[in-house]
């Protein structure tokens, strides 16, 4: 396992809800990340966002680990749920 994958697993373990997206919690840089951030803000869920635009190696490792090519990637309680489309099911 690479150092990047170890760091990703650590980030996931440290946060009940973690979003890997484009941009930050305060300034999402794509519509899908913005929609995901708005969803969790609307319901008051505590969450964090990791900006994958700043780290292409992390973005590639996440795609490999999840077998999911797109962002954002939503993790809840350490489990990968998918992207913005999963919000409709919640």
PDB file of N, CA and C in Angstrom:
ATOM      1  N   UNK A   1       0.843  -1.182   0.000  1.00  0.00           N
ATOM      2  CA  UNK A   1       0.000   0.000   0.000  1.00  0.00           C
ATOM      3  C   UNK A   1       0.888   1.245   0.000  1.00  0.00           C
ATOM      4  N   UNK A   2       0.486   2.226  -0.765  1.00  0.00           N
ATOM      5  CA  UNK A   2       1.284   3.440  -0.886  1.00  0.00           C
ATOM      6  C   UNK A   2       1.028   4.393   0.282  1.00  0.00           C
ATOM      7  N   UNK A   3       1.933   5.348   0.425  1.00  0.00           N
ATOM      8  CA  UNK A   3       1.766   6.379   1.453  1.00  0.00           C
ATOM      9  C   UNK A   3       0.490   7.191   1.213  1.00  0.00           C
ATOM     10  N   UNK A   4       0.170   7.424  -0.049  1.00  0.00           N
ATOM     11  CA  UNK A   4      -1.037   8.184  -0.388  1.00  0.00           C
ATOM     12  C   UNK A   4      -2.278   7.413   0.062  1.00  0.00           C
ATOM     13  N   UNK A   5      -2.314   6.113  -0.203  1.00  0.00           N
ATOM     14  CA  UNK A   5      -3.453   5.299   0.227  1.00  0.00           C
ATOM     15  C   UNK A   5      -3.555   5.256   1.746  1.00  0.00           C
ATOM     16  N   UNK A   6      -2.421   5.180   2.420  1.00  0.00           N
ATOM     17  CA  UNK A   6      -2.423   5.215   3.888  1.00  0.00           C
ATOM     18  C   UNK A   6      -3.015   6.530   4.394  1.00  0.00           C
ATOM     19  N   UNK A   7      -2.637   7.643   3.777  1.00  0.00           N
ATOM     20  CA  UNK A   7      -3.140   8.962   4.173  1.00  0.00           C
ATOM     21  C   UNK A   7      -4.652   9.051   3.938  1.00  0.00           C
ATOM     22  N   UNK A   8      -5.109   8.517   2.812  1.00  0.00           N
ATOM     23  CA  UNK A   8      -6.543   8.518   2.506  1.00  0.00           C
ATOM     24  C   UNK A   8      -7.305   7.730   3.567  1.00  0.00           C
ATOM     25  N   UNK A   9      -6.819   6.550   3.895  1.00  0.00           N
ATOM     26  CA  UNK A   9      -7.485   5.723   4.912  1.00  0.00           C
ATOM     27  C   UNK A   9      -7.514   6.422   6.265  1.00  0.00           C
ATOM     28  N   UNK A  10      -6.446   7.134   6.580  1.00  0.00           N
ATOM     29  CA  UNK A  10      -6.381   7.891   7.836  1.00  0.00           C
ATOM     30  C   UNK A  10      -7.423   9.014   7.834  1.00  0.00           C
ATOM     31  N   UNK A  11      -7.512   9.749   6.727  1.00  0.00           N
ATOM     32  CA  UNK A  11      -8.495  10.840   6.623  1.00  0.00           C
ATOM     33  C   UNK A  11      -9.919  10.305   6.765  1.00  0.00           C
ATOM     34  N   UNK A  12     -10.188   9.187   6.114  1.00  0.00           N
ATOM     35  CA  UNK A  12     -11.524   8.587   6.174  1.00  0.00           C
ATOM     36  C   UNK A  12     -11.857   8.162   7.603  1.00  0.00           C
ATOM     37  N   UNK A  13     -10.891   7.560   8.285  1.00  0.00           N
ATOM     38  CA  UNK A  13     -11.108   7.081   9.653  1.00  0.00           C
ATOM     39  C   UNK A  13     -11.338   8.233  10.633  1.00  0.00           C
ATOM     40  N   UNK A  14     -10.754   9.388  10.362  1.00  0.00           N
ATOM     41  CA  UNK A  14     -10.833  10.530  11.274  1.00  0.00           C
ATOM     42  C   UNK A  14     -12.115  11.354  11.123  1.00  0.00           C
ATOM     43  N   UNK A  15     -12.910  11.080  10.096  1.00  0.00           N
ATOM     44  CA  UNK A  15     -14.091  11.902   9.816  1.00  0.00           C
ATOM     45  C   UNK A  15     -15.327  11.044   9.621  1.00  0.00           C
ATOM     46  N   UNK A  16     -16.387  11.362  10.344  1.00  0.00           N
ATOM     47  CA  UNK A  16     -17.642  10.616  10.198  1.00  0.00           C
ATOM     48  C   UNK A  16     -18.160  10.718   8.768  1.00  0.00           C
ATOM     49  N   UNK A  17     -18.140  11.930   8.220  1.00  0.00           N
ATOM     50  CA  UNK A  17     -18.518  12.145   6.821  1.00  0.00           C
ATOM     51  C   UNK A  17     -17.374  12.897   6.149  1.00  0.00           C
ATOM     52  N   UNK A  18     -16.859  12.317   5.076  1.00  0.00           N
ATOM     53  CA  UNK A  18     -15.752  12.938   4.350  1.00  0.00           C
ATOM     54  C   UNK A  18     -16.082  12.945   2.868  1.00  0.00           C
ATOM     55  N   UNK A  19     -15.893  14.104   2.271  1.00  0.00           N
ATOM     56  CA  UNK A  19     -16.130  14.276   0.840  1.00  0.00           C
ATOM     57  C   UNK A  19     -14.802  14.600   0.178  1.00  0.00           C
ATOM     58  N   UNK A  20     -14.436  13.813  -0.811  1.00  0.00           N
ATOM     59  CA  UNK A  20     -13.298  14.137  -1.662  1.00  0.00           C
ATOM     60  C   UNK A  20     -13.891  14.792  -2.900  1.00  0.00           C
ATOM     61  N   UNK A  21     -13.584  16.066  -3.097  1.00  0.00           N
ATOM     62  CA  UNK A  21     -14.212  16.787  -4.193  1.00  0.00           C
ATOM     63  C   UNK A  21     -13.280  17.773  -4.855  1.00  0.00           C
ATOM     64  N   UNK A  22     -13.889  18.636  -5.648  1.00  0.00           N
ATOM     65  CA  UNK A  22     -13.169  19.702  -6.335  1.00  0.00           C
ATOM     66  C   UNK A  22     -13.459  20.996  -5.589  1.00  0.00           C
ATOM     67  N   UNK A  23     -12.438  21.534  -4.954  1.00  0.00           N
ATOM     68  CA  UNK A  23     -12.593  22.744  -4.168  1.00  0.00           C
ATOM     69  C   UNK A  23     -12.675  22.435  -2.686  1.00  0.00           C
ATOM     70  N   UNK A  24     -13.115  23.419  -1.939  1.00  0.00           N
ATOM     71  CA  UNK A  24     -13.172  23.296  -0.485  1.00  0.00           C
ATOM     72  C   UNK A  24     -14.619  23.365  -0.007  1.00  0.00           C
ATOM     73  N   UNK A  25     -14.785  23.157   1.278  1.00  0.00           N
ATOM     74  CA  UNK A  25     -16.108  23.252   1.904  1.00  0.00           C
ATOM     75  C   UNK A  25     -16.698  24.655   1.694  1.00  0.00           C
ATOM     76  N   UNK A  26     -15.861  25.665   1.842  1.00  0.00           N
ATOM     77  CA  UNK A  26     -16.307  27.052   1.714  1.00  0.00           C
ATOM     78  C   UNK A  26     -16.402  27.509   0.260  1.00  0.00           C
ATOM     79  N   UNK A  27     -15.640  26.869  -0.617  1.00  0.00           N
ATOM     80  CA  UNK A  27     -15.611  27.293  -2.022  1.00  0.00           C
ATOM     81  C   UNK A  27     -15.506  26.092  -2.959  1.00  0.00           C
ATOM     82  N   UNK A  28     -16.600  25.339  -3.108  1.00  0.00           N
ATOM     83  CA  UNK A  28     -16.588  24.219  -4.051  1.00  0.00           C
ATOM     84  C   UNK A  28     -16.334  24.735  -5.468  1.00  0.00           C
ATOM     85  N   UNK A  29     -15.605  23.953  -6.263  1.00  0.00           N
ATOM     86  CA  UNK A  29     -15.241  24.418  -7.597  1.00  0.00           C
ATOM     87  C   UNK A  29     -15.896  23.618  -8.720  1.00  0.00           C
ATOM     88  N   UNK A  30     -16.924  22.866  -8.398  1.00  0.00           N
ATOM     89  CA  UNK A  30     -17.730  22.221  -9.439  1.00  0.00           C
ATOM     90  C   UNK A  30     -19.147  22.069  -8.905  1.00  0.00           C
ATOM     91  N   UNK A  31     -20.090  21.963  -9.810  1.00  0.00           N
ATOM     92  CA  UNK A  31     -21.489  21.886  -9.417  1.00  0.00           C
ATOM     93  C   UNK A  31     -21.823  20.682  -8.558  1.00  0.00           C
ATOM     94  N   UNK A  32     -21.206  19.543  -8.853  1.00  0.00           N
ATOM     95  CA  UNK A  32     -21.510  18.327  -8.100  1.00  0.00           C
ATOM     96  C   UNK A  32     -20.974  18.406  -6.671  1.00  0.00           C
ATOM     97  N   UNK A  33     -19.767  18.940  -6.524  1.00  0.00           N
ATOM     98  CA  UNK A  33     -19.222  19.116  -5.176  1.00  0.00           C
ATOM     99  C   UNK A  33     -20.067  20.135  -4.413  1.00  0.00           C
ATOM    100  N   UNK A  34     -20.461  21.210  -5.075  1.00  0.00           N
ATOM    101  CA  UNK A  34     -21.301  22.227  -4.426  1.00  0.00           C
ATOM    102  C   UNK A  34     -22.629  21.626  -3.972  1.00  0.00           C
ATOM    103  N   UNK A  35     -23.245  20.811  -4.816  1.00  0.00           N
ATOM    104  CA  UNK A  35     -24.519  20.176  -4.463  1.00  0.00           C
ATOM    105  C   UNK A  35     -24.365  19.258  -3.250  1.00  0.00           C
ATOM    106  N   UNK A  36     -23.263  18.534  -3.201  1.00  0.00           N
ATOM    107  CA  UNK A  36     -23.010  17.619  -2.088  1.00  0.00           C
ATOM    108  C   UNK A  36     -22.786  18.396  -0.793  1.00  0.00           C
ATOM    109  N   UNK A  37     -21.993  19.458  -0.858  1.00  0.00           N
ATOM    110  CA  UNK A  37     -21.745  20.308   0.309  1.00  0.00           C
ATOM    111  C   UNK A  37     -23.059  20.929   0.794  1.00  0.00           C
ATOM    112  N   UNK A  38     -23.871  21.415  -0.124  1.00  0.00           N
ATOM    113  CA  UNK A  38     -25.154  22.025   0.243  1.00  0.00           C
ATOM    114  C   UNK A  38     -26.071  21.018   0.931  1.00  0.00           C
ATOM    115  N   UNK A  39     -26.071  19.779   0.466  1.00  0.00           N
ATOM    116  CA  UNK A  39     -26.899  18.739   1.066  1.00  0.00           C
ATOM    117  C   UNK A  39     -26.532  18.538   2.535  1.00  0.00           C
ATOM    118  N   UNK A  40     -25.246  18.341   2.812  1.00  0.00           N
ATOM    119  CA  UNK A  40     -24.836  18.081   4.193  1.00  0.00           C
ATOM    120  C   UNK A  40     -24.992  19.322   5.066  1.00  0.00           C
ATOM    121  N   UNK A  41     -24.789  20.510   4.499  1.00  0.00           N
ATOM    122  CA  UNK A  41     -25.040  21.747   5.250  1.00  0.00           C
ATOM    123  C   UNK A  41     -26.520  21.893   5.591  1.00  0.00           C
ATOM    124  N   UNK A  42     -27.385  21.595   4.637  1.00  0.00           N
ATOM    125  CA  UNK A  42     -28.834  21.737   4.821  1.00  0.00           C
ATOM    126  C   UNK A  42     -29.333  20.926   6.009  1.00  0.00           C
ATOM    127  N   UNK A  43     -28.801  19.725   6.161  1.00  0.00           N
ATOM    128  CA  UNK A  43     -29.259  18.845   7.234  1.00  0.00           C
ATOM    129  C   UNK A  43     -28.403  18.939   8.492  1.00  0.00           C
ATOM    130  N   UNK A  44     -27.387  19.801   8.459  1.00  0.00           N
ATOM    131  CA  UNK A  44     -26.582  20.046   9.640  1.00  0.00           C
ATOM    132  C   UNK A  44     -25.619  18.933  10.010  1.00  0.00           C
ATOM    133  N   UNK A  45     -25.329  18.068   9.055  1.00  0.00           N
ATOM    134  CA  UNK A  45     -24.382  16.985   9.336  1.00  0.00           C
ATOM    135  C   UNK A  45     -22.961  17.533   9.372  1.00  0.00           C
ATOM    136  N   UNK A  46     -22.180  17.132  10.366  1.00  0.00           N
ATOM    137  CA  UNK A  46     -20.775  17.549  10.390  1.00  0.00           C
ATOM    138  C   UNK A  46     -20.003  16.766   9.328  1.00  0.00           C
ATOM    139  N   UNK A  47     -19.242  17.479   8.513  1.00  0.00           N
ATOM    140  CA  UNK A  47     -18.478  16.826   7.451  1.00  0.00           C
ATOM    141  C   UNK A  47     -17.251  17.653   7.115  1.00  0.00           C
ATOM    142  N   UNK A  48     -16.333  17.026   6.423  1.00  0.00           N
ATOM    143  CA  UNK A  48     -15.144  17.710   5.939  1.00  0.00           C
ATOM    144  C   UNK A  48     -15.014  17.449   4.445  1.00  0.00           C
ATOM    145  N   UNK A  49     -14.283  18.337   3.773  1.00  0.00           N
ATOM    146  CA  UNK A  49     -14.027  18.200   2.341  1.00  0.00           C
ATOM    147  C   UNK A  49     -12.525  18.231   2.110  1.00  0.00           C
ATOM    148  N   UNK A  50     -12.047  17.291   1.309  1.00  0.00           N
ATOM    149  CA  UNK A  50     -10.650  17.277   0.880  1.00  0.00           C
ATOM    150  C   UNK A  50     -10.635  17.695  -0.588  1.00  0.00           C
ATOM    151  N   UNK A  51      -9.848  18.721  -0.898  1.00  0.00           N
ATOM    152  CA  UNK A  51      -9.756  19.250  -2.252  1.00  0.00           C
ATOM    153  C   UNK A  51      -8.813  18.391  -3.087  1.00  0.00           C
ATOM    154  N   UNK A  52      -9.364  17.612  -3.985  1.00  0.00           N
ATOM    155  CA  UNK A  52      -8.548  16.728  -4.826  1.00  0.00           C
ATOM    156  C   UNK A  52      -7.909  17.453  -6.000  1.00  0.00           C
ATOM    157  N   UNK A  53      -8.302  18.694  -6.254  1.00  0.00           N
ATOM    158  CA  UNK A  53      -7.665  19.461  -7.320  1.00  0.00           C
ATOM    159  C   UNK A  53      -6.218  19.785  -6.971  1.00  0.00           C
ATOM    160  N   UNK A  54      -5.909  19.801  -5.690  1.00  0.00           N
ATOM    161  CA  UNK A  54      -4.557  20.131  -5.235  1.00  0.00           C
ATOM    162  C   UNK A  54      -3.626  18.931  -5.219  1.00  0.00           C
ATOM    163  N   UNK A  55      -4.147  17.724  -5.435  1.00  0.00           N
ATOM    164  CA  UNK A  55      -3.323  16.518  -5.293  1.00  0.00           C
ATOM    165  C   UNK A  55      -3.786  15.438  -6.274  1.00  0.00           C
ATOM    166  N   UNK A  56      -3.216  15.473  -7.483  1.00  0.00           N
ATOM    167  CA  UNK A  56      -3.609  14.524  -8.520  1.00  0.00           C
ATOM    168  C   UNK A  56      -3.284  13.085  -8.122  1.00  0.00           C
ATOM    169  N   UNK A  57      -2.199  12.883  -7.386  1.00  0.00           N
ATOM    170  CA  UNK A  57      -1.839  11.538  -6.942  1.00  0.00           C
ATOM    171  C   UNK A  57      -2.924  10.969  -6.018  1.00  0.00           C
ATOM    172  N   UNK A  58      -3.446  11.802  -5.132  1.00  0.00           N
ATOM    173  CA  UNK A  58      -4.520  11.373  -4.230  1.00  0.00           C
ATOM    174  C   UNK A  58      -5.787  11.066  -5.034  1.00  0.00           C
ATOM    175  N   UNK A  59      -6.085  11.903  -5.999  1.00  0.00           N
ATOM    176  CA  UNK A  59      -7.273  11.700  -6.831  1.00  0.00           C
ATOM    177  C   UNK A  59      -7.197  10.369  -7.578  1.00  0.00           C
ATOM    178  N   UNK A  60      -6.043  10.074  -8.140  1.00  0.00           N
ATOM    179  CA  UNK A  60      -5.856   8.812  -8.859  1.00  0.00           C
ATOM    180  C   UNK A  60      -5.942   7.620  -7.914  1.00  0.00           C
ATOM    181  N   UNK A  61      -5.357   7.735  -6.732  1.00  0.00           N
ATOM    182  CA  UNK A  61      -5.406   6.647  -5.747  1.00  0.00           C
ATOM    183  C   UNK A  61      -6.845   6.388  -5.300  1.00  0.00           C
ATOM    184  N   UNK A  62      -7.613   7.448  -5.096  1.00  0.00           N
ATOM    185  CA  UNK A  62      -9.022   7.301  -4.705  1.00  0.00           C
ATOM    186  C   UNK A  62      -9.825   6.569  -5.777  1.00  0.00           C
ATOM    187  N   UNK A  63      -9.597   6.919  -7.027  1.00  0.00           N
ATOM    188  CA  UNK A  63     -10.310   6.250  -8.122  1.00  0.00           C
ATOM    189  C   UNK A  63      -9.974   4.768  -8.155  1.00  0.00           C
ATOM    190  N   UNK A  64      -8.724   4.463  -7.920  1.00  0.00           N
ATOM    191  CA  UNK A  64      -8.285   3.064  -7.900  1.00  0.00           C
ATOM    192  C   UNK A  64      -8.884   2.325  -6.696  1.00  0.00           C
ATOM    193  N   UNK A  65      -8.847   2.950  -5.527  1.00  0.00           N
ATOM    194  CA  UNK A  65      -9.336   2.313  -4.297  1.00  0.00           C
ATOM    195  C   UNK A  65     -10.845   2.065  -4.335  1.00  0.00           C
ATOM    196  N   UNK A  66     -11.587   2.973  -4.967  1.00  0.00           N
ATOM    197  CA  UNK A  66     -13.049   2.882  -4.962  1.00  0.00           C
ATOM    198  C   UNK A  66     -13.618   2.291  -6.249  1.00  0.00           C
ATOM    199  N   UNK A  67     -12.771   2.196  -7.266  1.00  0.00           N
ATOM    200  CA  UNK A  67     -13.229   1.771  -8.592  1.00  0.00           C
ATOM    201  C   UNK A  67     -14.355   2.690  -9.081  1.00  0.00           C
ATOM    202  N   UNK A  68     -14.190   3.990  -8.784  1.00  0.00           N
ATOM    203  CA  UNK A  68     -15.187   5.012  -9.119  1.00  0.00           C
ATOM    204  C   UNK A  68     -14.437   6.202  -9.705  1.00  0.00           C
ATOM    205  N   UNK A  69     -14.662   6.558 -10.968  1.00  0.00           N
ATOM    206  CA  UNK A  69     -13.816   7.554 -11.621  1.00  0.00           C
ATOM    207  C   UNK A  69     -14.125   9.015 -11.307  1.00  0.00           C
ATOM    208  N   UNK A  70     -15.335   9.309 -10.816  1.00  0.00           N
ATOM    209  CA  UNK A  70     -15.750  10.708 -10.713  1.00  0.00           C
ATOM    210  C   UNK A  70     -15.665  11.254  -9.289  1.00  0.00           C
ATOM    211  N   UNK A  71     -15.675  12.577  -9.212  1.00  0.00           N
ATOM    212  CA  UNK A  71     -15.754  13.298  -7.947  1.00  0.00           C
ATOM    213  C   UNK A  71     -17.099  14.006  -7.912  1.00  0.00           C
ATOM    214  N   UNK A  72     -17.619  14.273  -6.734  1.00  0.00           N
ATOM    215  CA  UNK A  72     -17.052  13.965  -5.423  1.00  0.00           C
ATOM    216  C   UNK A  72     -17.234  12.495  -5.054  1.00  0.00           C
ATOM    217  N   UNK A  73     -16.458  12.083  -4.071  1.00  0.00           N
ATOM    218  CA  UNK A  73     -16.579  10.748  -3.488  1.00  0.00           C
ATOM    219  C   UNK A  73     -16.988  10.940  -2.029  1.00  0.00           C
ATOM    220  N   UNK A  74     -18.072  10.300  -1.631  1.00  0.00           N
ATOM    221  CA  UNK A  74     -18.627  10.485  -0.291  1.00  0.00           C
ATOM    222  C   UNK A  74     -18.367   9.240   0.552  1.00  0.00           C
ATOM    223  N   UNK A  75     -17.736   9.463   1.707  1.00  0.00           N
ATOM    224  CA  UNK A  75     -17.494   8.392   2.678  1.00  0.00           C
ATOM    225  C   UNK A  75     -18.262   8.726   3.952  1.00  0.00           C
ATOM    226  N   UNK A  76     -18.991   7.746   4.478  1.00  0.00           N
ATOM    227  CA  UNK A  76     -19.726   7.914   5.730  1.00  0.00           C
ATOM    228  C   UNK A  76     -19.381   6.738   6.627  1.00  0.00           C
ATOM    229  N   UNK A  77     -18.923   7.045   7.838  1.00  0.00           N
ATOM    230  CA  UNK A  77     -18.508   6.006   8.791  1.00  0.00           C
ATOM    231  C   UNK A  77     -17.519   5.029   8.166  1.00  0.00           C
ATOM    232  N   UNK A  78     -16.600   5.563   7.364  1.00  0.00           N
ATOM    233  CA  UNK A  78     -15.546   4.742   6.784  1.00  0.00           C
ATOM    234  C   UNK A  78     -15.934   3.972   5.545  1.00  0.00           C
ATOM    235  N   UNK A  79     -17.191   4.077   5.134  1.00  0.00           N
ATOM    236  CA  UNK A  79     -17.671   3.325   3.969  1.00  0.00           C
ATOM    237  C   UNK A  79     -17.873   4.264   2.785  1.00  0.00           C
ATOM    238  N   UNK A  80     -17.426   3.830   1.609  1.00  0.00           N
ATOM    239  CA  UNK A  80     -17.624   4.599   0.392  1.00  0.00           C
ATOM    240  C   UNK A  80     -19.048   4.410  -0.112  1.00  0.00           C
ATOM    241  N   UNK A  81     -19.748   5.519  -0.336  1.00  0.00           N
ATOM    242  CA  UNK A  81     -21.133   5.458  -0.791  1.00  0.00           C
ATOM    243  C   UNK A  81     -21.323   5.818  -2.255  1.00  0.00           C
ATOM    244  N   UNK A  82     -20.423   6.584  -2.838  1.00  0.00           N
ATOM    245  CA  UNK A  82     -20.574   6.986  -4.233  1.00  0.00           C
ATOM    246  C   UNK A  82     -20.374   8.481  -4.383  1.00  0.00           C
ATOM    247  N   UNK A  83     -21.101   9.056  -5.357  1.00  0.00           N
ATOM    248  CA  UNK A  83     -20.964  10.484  -5.612  1.00  0.00           C
ATOM    249  C   UNK A  83     -22.282  11.209  -5.330  1.00  0.00           C
ATOM    250  N   UNK A  84     -22.500  12.323  -5.963  1.00  0.00           N
ATOM    251  CA  UNK A  84     -23.676  13.149  -5.702  1.00  0.00           C
ATOM    252  C   UNK A  84     -24.986  12.385  -5.887  1.00  0.00           C
ATOM    253  N   UNK A  85     -25.009  11.421  -6.787  1.00  0.00           N
ATOM    254  CA  UNK A  85     -26.237  10.663  -7.059  1.00  0.00           C
ATOM    255  C   UNK A  85     -26.781   9.945  -5.827  1.00  0.00           C
ATOM    256  N   UNK A  86     -25.931   9.593  -4.878  1.00  0.00           N
ATOM    257  CA  UNK A  86     -26.394   8.865  -3.688  1.00  0.00           C
ATOM    258  C   UNK A  86     -27.234   9.744  -2.772  1.00  0.00           C
ATOM    259  N   UNK A  87     -27.131  11.050  -2.929  1.00  0.00           N
ATOM    260  CA  UNK A  87     -27.878  11.956  -2.057  1.00  0.00           C
ATOM    261  C   UNK A  87     -29.379  11.808  -2.261  1.00  0.00           C
ATOM    262  N   UNK A  88     -29.796  11.462  -3.478  1.00  0.00           N
ATOM    263  CA  UNK A  88     -31.218  11.258  -3.751  1.00  0.00           C
ATOM    264  C   UNK A  88     -31.783  10.099  -2.945  1.00  0.00           C
ATOM    265  N   UNK A  89     -30.927   9.136  -2.623  1.00  0.00           N
ATOM    266  CA  UNK A  89     -31.360   7.946  -1.901  1.00  0.00           C
ATOM    267  C   UNK A  89     -31.397   8.155  -0.393  1.00  0.00           C
ATOM    268  N   UNK A  90     -30.820   9.242   0.084  1.00  0.00           N
ATOM    269  CA  UNK A  90     -30.708   9.449   1.528  1.00  0.00           C
ATOM    270  C   UNK A  90     -31.940  10.126   2.097  1.00  0.00           C
TER     271      UNK A  90
END
